[in-house]
């Protein structure tokens, strides 16, 4: 199957590590399964000849726990590993100085118990058993402008057009800062949503764009106008799949839309309660008790303004500050525009 390069690192802060993976664009290899439980058995001869030669023979049973299901099935793998012939593989020889590099041969079988009895009949003994949990992530194949846009589902024809139309700063925001815009709001009430969900069981990722206007109707009601947007020059197949992605997520019956609406209704109800009238809103996330930011802004950010990592409410505070300034400022009388005389 090829060579396996194994690097083991001690993670002191798992949550910080997961945030780092997210910044790198990593996503779950199987979005339906957060982690897999593995049952492993290592086999060897009575005199441990495999271990002495740096070889490994293993039967692994993977028990996949799928979201919403207690058990969704299992997979059994037979794996054989052995040292790489470094005399004929210079790259492996260089890597082996710092990491463990071994040739790995693996195949899937249907009956692990029967396979174990066959190996025992051949004189091999299951000498070590262990269990562990594994979560597998996939990293973007490339980290340049083209690779990042491919990762979220844009076809090459569209990427070329985007590279020509975008400014150098806009391209750098994606390629250098690794920032893919997913949501933004133009003050005061026009929002932009850009997301890239999987649209089928095979894991096809397709992006979509939605524009939304938030129009207050009363003190308890807001009308939301939502539009789906797609490049008119995009391939027809992409237009169709992008619209499907939009409907699945933020259409009237989309999974995120339904979840958001429930939150909005609950927030509106709670905002009218007695606790909301007695207590001030605490929107100090990301600040110390003295009011200073816990972390400084990102250095070398290619986009406009400032960007911060970690949890915080900097955007919300800035937006509310603009809103307060807008309310407290005397309205400006519009200039008289001469539209000409009617004919």
Protein backbone atom coordinates (compact mmCIF):
# COMPACT_ATOMS: atom_id res chain seq x y z
CA UNK A 1 0.00 0.00 0.00
CA UNK A 2 2.94 2.33 0.60
CA UNK A 3 5.05 3.69 3.41
CA UNK A 4 3.63 4.92 6.71
CA UNK A 5 5.28 7.89 8.40
CA UNK A 6 4.27 7.94 12.07
CA UNK A 7 4.76 10.96 14.30
CA UNK A 8 3.48 10.92 17.89
CA UNK A 9 3.11 14.17 19.80
CA UNK A 10 1.98 14.84 23.35
CA UNK A 11 -1.02 17.21 23.40
CA UNK A 12 -1.32 19.14 26.67
CA UNK A 13 -4.40 21.15 25.63
CA UNK A 14 -6.77 19.11 23.37
CA UNK A 15 -9.18 22.02 22.89
CA UNK A 16 -6.43 24.36 21.74
CA UNK A 17 -5.18 21.64 19.41
CA UNK A 18 -8.66 21.24 17.88
CA UNK A 19 -8.85 25.01 17.32
CA UNK A 20 -5.46 24.86 15.59
CA UNK A 21 -6.74 22.08 13.32
CA UNK A 22 -9.75 24.21 12.43
CA UNK A 23 -7.52 27.16 11.51
CA UNK A 24 -5.56 24.84 9.20
CA UNK A 25 -8.80 23.90 7.40
CA UNK A 26 -8.90 20.34 8.77
CA UNK A 27 -12.24 18.54 8.80
CA UNK A 28 -13.44 15.16 10.01
CA UNK A 29 -12.67 12.36 7.58
CA UNK A 30 -16.10 10.94 8.39
CA UNK A 31 -18.49 13.77 9.41
CA UNK A 32 -21.04 11.24 10.72
CA UNK A 33 -18.61 9.68 13.20
CA UNK A 34 -16.75 11.80 15.74
CA UNK A 35 -14.47 8.96 16.79
CA UNK A 36 -13.88 5.23 16.26
CA UNK A 37 -13.20 2.64 18.96
CA UNK A 38 -10.46 0.20 17.95
CA UNK A 39 -9.86 -3.31 19.28
CA UNK A 40 -6.36 -4.49 18.31
CA UNK A 41 -4.58 -7.84 18.56
CA UNK A 42 -0.87 -8.20 17.70
CA UNK A 43 0.37 -11.61 16.51
CA UNK A 44 3.89 -13.04 16.61
CA UNK A 45 5.75 -16.33 16.69
CA UNK A 46 6.70 -18.07 19.93
CA UNK A 47 10.23 -16.66 19.76
CA UNK A 48 9.01 -13.12 18.81
CA UNK A 49 10.74 -13.27 15.43
CA UNK A 50 8.48 -10.58 13.95
CA UNK A 51 9.16 -8.09 16.74
CA UNK A 52 12.91 -8.78 16.60
CA UNK A 53 12.86 -7.97 12.87
CA UNK A 54 10.90 -4.73 13.46
CA UNK A 55 7.76 -6.23 11.93
CA UNK A 56 4.14 -6.12 13.07
CA UNK A 57 1.10 -8.26 12.24
CA UNK A 58 -2.21 -6.96 13.55
CA UNK A 59 -5.95 -7.58 13.38
CA UNK A 60 -7.89 -4.39 14.06
CA UNK A 61 -11.66 -4.19 14.55
CA UNK A 62 -13.06 -0.69 14.15
CA UNK A 63 -16.38 0.02 15.88
CA UNK A 64 -17.85 3.17 14.37
CA UNK A 65 -20.24 5.21 16.49
CA UNK A 66 -22.38 7.35 14.20
CA UNK A 67 -24.20 10.44 15.37
CA UNK A 68 -27.72 9.53 16.39
CA UNK A 69 -26.93 5.80 16.48
CA UNK A 70 -25.38 3.67 19.19
CA UNK A 71 -23.63 1.39 16.74
CA UNK A 72 -23.43 1.65 12.97
CA UNK A 73 -21.32 -1.40 12.16
CA UNK A 74 -17.71 -2.46 12.18
CA UNK A 75 -14.73 -2.91 9.91
CA UNK A 76 -11.95 -5.50 10.31
CA UNK A 77 -8.45 -4.84 8.95
CA UNK A 78 -5.40 -7.11 8.68
CA UNK A 79 -2.20 -5.04 8.73
CA UNK A 80 1.43 -6.00 8.22
CA UNK A 81 4.27 -3.52 8.80
CA UNK A 82 7.99 -3.89 8.27
CA UNK A 83 11.05 -1.63 8.02
CA UNK A 84 11.59 0.16 4.72
CA UNK A 85 14.55 -0.87 2.56
CA UNK A 86 16.43 2.41 2.97
CA UNK A 87 19.11 1.42 0.48
CA UNK A 88 16.56 1.75 -2.32
CA UNK A 89 14.48 4.59 -0.83
CA UNK A 90 16.50 7.72 -0.08
CA UNK A 91 13.46 9.73 1.04
CA UNK A 92 12.49 7.09 3.59
CA UNK A 93 16.07 6.97 4.85
CA UNK A 94 16.06 10.74 5.47
CA UNK A 95 12.67 10.67 7.20
CA UNK A 96 13.62 7.69 9.34
CA UNK A 97 16.26 9.81 11.08
CA UNK A 98 13.48 11.79 12.80
CA UNK A 99 10.31 9.71 12.42
CA UNK A 100 9.21 6.10 12.29
CA UNK A 101 8.84 5.06 8.64
CA UNK A 102 7.61 1.57 7.77
CA UNK A 103 6.13 -0.19 4.79
CA UNK A 104 2.47 -0.90 5.46
CA UNK A 105 0.32 -3.56 3.79
CA UNK A 106 -3.34 -3.61 4.74
CA UNK A 107 -6.53 -5.29 3.59
CA UNK A 108 -10.10 -5.44 4.82
CA UNK A 109 -11.54 -8.81 5.87
CA UNK A 110 -15.06 -9.88 6.80
CA UNK A 111 -14.45 -12.14 9.80
CA UNK A 112 -11.76 -11.16 12.29
CA UNK A 113 -12.43 -14.07 14.68
CA UNK A 114 -11.96 -16.69 11.96
CA UNK A 115 -8.83 -14.94 10.70
CA UNK A 116 -7.42 -15.04 14.24
CA UNK A 117 -7.96 -18.80 14.41
CA UNK A 118 -6.22 -19.23 11.04
CA UNK A 119 -3.17 -17.31 12.27
CA UNK A 120 -3.12 -19.40 15.46
CA UNK A 121 -3.23 -22.55 13.34
CA UNK A 122 -0.15 -21.31 11.48
CA UNK A 123 1.79 -21.08 14.74
CA UNK A 124 1.22 -17.40 15.50
CA UNK A 125 -0.03 -16.22 18.87
CA UNK A 126 -2.07 -13.18 19.79
CA UNK A 127 0.35 -11.87 22.42
CA UNK A 128 -0.87 -8.31 22.99
CA UNK A 129 -4.35 -6.78 23.01
CA UNK A 130 -5.20 -3.10 23.38
CA UNK A 131 -8.09 -0.74 22.76
CA UNK A 132 -8.13 2.95 21.90
CA UNK A 133 -10.25 5.69 20.37
CA UNK A 134 -9.29 7.46 17.17
CA UNK A 135 -10.53 10.67 15.52
CA UNK A 136 -9.31 11.16 11.95
CA UNK A 137 -9.04 14.55 10.28
CA UNK A 138 -8.25 15.51 6.70
CA UNK A 139 -6.05 18.49 5.90
CA UNK A 140 -6.41 20.56 2.72
CA UNK A 141 -4.28 19.07 -0.07
CA UNK A 142 -2.70 22.47 -0.87
CA UNK A 143 -2.44 25.66 1.11
CA UNK A 144 -2.16 28.13 -1.75
CA UNK A 145 -5.01 30.16 -3.26
CA UNK A 146 -6.04 27.44 -5.72
CA UNK A 147 -5.74 24.59 -3.24
CA UNK A 148 -7.83 26.30 -0.57
CA UNK A 149 -10.64 27.10 -3.01
CA UNK A 150 -10.59 23.55 -4.37
CA UNK A 151 -10.87 22.30 -0.79
CA UNK A 152 -14.21 24.07 -0.30
CA UNK A 153 -15.55 22.77 -3.61
CA UNK A 154 -14.90 25.38 -6.31
CA UNK A 155 -14.09 23.98 -9.79
CA UNK A 156 -10.87 25.05 -11.48
CA UNK A 157 -12.71 27.09 -14.12
CA UNK A 158 -14.23 29.31 -11.42
CA UNK A 159 -10.97 29.54 -9.46
CA UNK A 160 -9.18 30.95 -12.51
CA UNK A 161 -11.84 33.61 -12.96
CA UNK A 162 -11.72 34.47 -9.25
CA UNK A 163 -7.92 34.84 -9.37
CA UNK A 164 -8.27 37.36 -12.21
CA UNK A 165 -11.16 39.33 -10.69
CA UNK A 166 -9.95 39.51 -7.09
CA UNK A 167 -7.45 42.09 -5.89
CA UNK A 168 -4.04 41.09 -4.54
CA UNK A 169 -5.26 41.77 -1.00
CA UNK A 170 -8.32 39.58 -1.46
CA UNK A 171 -6.21 36.72 -2.79
CA UNK A 172 -3.73 37.11 0.07
CA UNK A 173 -6.57 36.86 2.59
CA UNK A 174 -7.17 33.29 1.38
CA UNK A 175 -3.67 32.15 0.43
CA UNK A 176 -1.49 33.87 3.06
CA UNK A 177 -3.79 34.35 6.05
CA UNK A 178 -5.69 31.12 5.35
CA UNK A 179 -8.98 32.92 5.95
CA UNK A 180 -12.07 31.76 4.04
CA UNK A 181 -14.92 34.21 4.58
CA UNK A 182 -17.96 32.37 5.94
CA UNK A 183 -20.15 35.15 7.37
CA UNK A 184 -20.11 38.95 7.35
CA UNK A 185 -22.50 41.84 7.96
CA UNK A 186 -22.60 45.22 6.24
CA UNK A 187 -23.82 47.72 8.82
CA UNK A 188 -26.56 47.82 9.79
CA UNK A 189 -28.68 44.97 8.40
CA UNK A 190 -27.27 43.27 5.27
CA UNK A 191 -25.51 39.94 5.86
CA UNK A 192 -23.48 37.57 3.73
CA UNK A 193 -23.26 33.80 4.26
CA UNK A 194 -20.67 31.62 2.52
CA UNK A 195 -20.56 27.95 3.52
CA UNK A 196 -19.40 24.65 2.00
CA UNK A 197 -21.38 21.63 3.25
CA UNK A 198 -21.36 18.04 2.02
CA UNK A 199 -24.37 17.45 -0.20
CA UNK A 200 -24.38 13.65 -0.55
CA UNK A 201 -23.31 10.42 1.07
CA UNK A 202 -20.03 10.28 -0.83
CA UNK A 203 -18.81 13.48 0.84
CA UNK A 204 -19.06 15.89 -2.12
CA UNK A 205 -18.35 19.41 -0.83
CA UNK A 206 -20.06 22.32 -2.63
CA UNK A 207 -20.05 25.99 -1.54
CA UNK A 208 -22.99 28.38 -1.67
CA UNK A 209 -23.56 32.10 -1.12
CA UNK A 210 -26.60 33.71 0.46
CA UNK A 211 -27.44 37.39 0.98
CA UNK A 212 -29.80 38.28 3.82
CA UNK A 213 -31.52 41.50 4.80
CA UNK A 214 -32.85 41.86 8.34
CA UNK A 215 -35.85 44.21 8.30
CA UNK A 216 -37.44 45.08 11.69
CA UNK A 217 -41.25 44.91 11.58
CA UNK A 218 -41.96 45.62 15.24
CA UNK A 219 -40.18 45.42 18.61
CA UNK A 220 -40.77 41.65 18.58
CA UNK A 221 -40.65 40.80 14.88
CA UNK A 222 -38.00 40.88 12.16
CA UNK A 223 -38.54 40.01 8.52
CA UNK A 224 -35.64 38.13 6.92
CA UNK A 225 -35.20 38.37 3.16
CA UNK A 226 -32.88 35.64 1.88
CA UNK A 227 -31.39 35.36 -1.60
CA UNK A 228 -29.29 32.61 -3.14
CA UNK A 229 -26.41 33.99 -5.26
CA UNK A 230 -24.20 32.19 -7.78
CA UNK A 231 -21.83 33.29 -10.52
CA UNK A 232 -23.78 33.54 -13.78
CA UNK A 233 -20.77 32.13 -15.64
CA UNK A 234 -20.43 29.09 -13.34
CA UNK A 235 -20.91 25.58 -14.83
CA UNK A 236 -24.54 24.47 -14.80
CA UNK A 237 -23.75 21.44 -12.61
CA UNK A 238 -22.14 23.73 -10.02
CA UNK A 239 -25.17 26.06 -10.04
CA UNK A 240 -27.48 23.12 -9.40
CA UNK A 241 -25.35 21.63 -6.62
CA UNK A 242 -24.72 25.01 -5.00
CA UNK A 243 -28.47 25.70 -4.86
CA UNK A 244 -28.96 22.27 -3.28
CA UNK A 245 -26.34 23.12 -0.64
CA UNK A 246 -28.13 26.41 0.09
CA UNK A 247 -31.51 24.71 0.50
CA UNK A 248 -30.03 22.04 2.78
CA UNK A 249 -28.47 24.63 5.11
CA UNK A 250 -30.21 28.01 4.94
CA UNK A 251 -33.32 27.45 2.85
CA UNK A 252 -36.71 27.78 4.58
CA UNK A 253 -36.45 24.16 5.74
CA UNK A 254 -32.64 24.05 5.99
CA UNK A 255 -31.06 22.37 9.00
CA UNK A 256 -29.19 25.50 10.15
CA UNK A 257 -32.12 27.80 9.45
CA UNK A 258 -34.47 25.76 11.61
CA UNK A 259 -31.93 25.64 14.42
CA UNK A 260 -31.29 29.40 14.21
CA UNK A 261 -34.98 30.29 14.19
CA UNK A 262 -35.49 28.29 17.39
CA UNK A 263 -32.64 30.22 19.02
CA UNK A 264 -33.99 33.58 17.85
CA UNK A 265 -37.44 32.82 19.26
CA UNK A 266 -35.98 31.74 22.61
CA UNK A 267 -33.73 34.81 22.82
CA UNK A 268 -36.67 37.11 22.06
CA UNK A 269 -38.78 35.47 24.79
CA UNK A 270 -35.99 35.63 27.36
CA UNK A 271 -35.20 39.27 26.48
CA UNK A 272 -38.74 40.17 27.56
CA UNK A 273 -38.42 38.46 30.93
CA UNK A 274 -37.80 39.94 34.37
CA UNK A 275 -34.15 38.84 34.55
CA UNK A 276 -33.36 40.64 31.30
CA UNK A 277 -34.89 43.84 32.70
CA UNK A 278 -32.90 43.66 35.96
CA UNK A 279 -29.48 42.57 34.66
CA UNK A 280 -27.10 44.19 32.21
CA UNK A 281 -25.93 42.18 29.21
CA UNK A 282 -22.42 40.86 29.84
CA UNK A 283 -20.61 40.98 26.50
CA UNK A 284 -17.03 40.96 27.79
CA UNK A 285 -15.89 37.65 26.31
CA UNK A 286 -12.24 37.94 25.27
CA UNK A 287 -11.44 40.71 27.79
CA UNK A 288 -9.66 40.67 31.13
CA UNK A 289 -11.25 42.05 34.30
CA UNK A 290 -9.44 45.31 33.55
CA UNK A 291 -11.00 45.51 30.09
CA UNK A 292 -7.85 44.67 28.10
CA UNK A 293 -7.91 42.03 25.34
CA UNK A 294 -6.73 38.61 26.51
CA UNK A 295 -4.88 38.06 23.23
CA UNK A 296 -3.46 40.63 20.83
CA UNK A 297 -4.76 40.87 17.24
CA UNK A 298 -3.28 38.54 14.64
CA UNK A 299 -0.02 39.84 13.19
CA UNK A 300 0.30 40.01 9.42
CA UNK A 301 -3.43 39.66 8.76
CA UNK A 302 -4.05 40.33 5.05
CA UNK A 303 -7.64 41.49 5.38
CA UNK A 304 -9.02 44.90 6.38
CA UNK A 305 -9.26 45.88 10.02
CA UNK A 306 -8.06 43.53 12.74
CA UNK A 307 -8.56 39.80 13.26
CA UNK A 308 -8.40 37.83 16.49
CA UNK A 309 -8.13 34.16 17.34
CA UNK A 310 -9.99 32.34 20.07
CA UNK A 311 -13.34 33.04 21.67
CA UNK A 312 -14.41 36.65 21.97
CA UNK A 313 -17.16 39.17 21.36
CA UNK A 314 -15.06 41.84 19.67
CA UNK A 315 -17.23 41.94 16.56
CA UNK A 316 -20.44 42.20 18.59
CA UNK A 317 -19.07 45.00 20.77
CA UNK A 318 -17.84 46.92 17.73
CA UNK A 319 -21.19 46.56 15.96
CA UNK A 320 -23.14 47.67 19.07
CA UNK A 321 -20.78 50.62 19.45
CA UNK A 322 -21.50 51.70 15.89
CA UNK A 323 -25.24 51.31 16.54
CA UNK A 324 -25.08 53.48 19.66
CA UNK A 325 -23.12 56.15 17.79
CA UNK A 326 -25.70 56.02 15.01
CA UNK A 327 -28.57 56.54 17.47
CA UNK A 328 -26.88 59.36 19.38
CA UNK A 329 -25.76 61.32 16.31
CA UNK A 330 -28.06 64.00 14.97
CA UNK A 331 -29.46 62.99 11.58
CA UNK A 332 -27.89 64.63 8.59
CA UNK A 333 -30.31 66.48 6.32
CA UNK A 334 -30.10 65.00 2.85
CA UNK A 335 -28.91 67.29 0.12
CA UNK A 336 -31.47 68.48 -2.37
CA UNK A 337 -31.02 66.68 -5.64
CA UNK A 338 -32.15 68.32 -8.85
CA UNK A 339 -33.85 65.65 -10.91
CA UNK A 340 -34.64 68.02 -13.76
CA UNK A 341 -37.96 69.25 -15.01
CA UNK A 342 -40.72 66.95 -16.16
CA UNK A 343 -41.39 66.96 -19.85
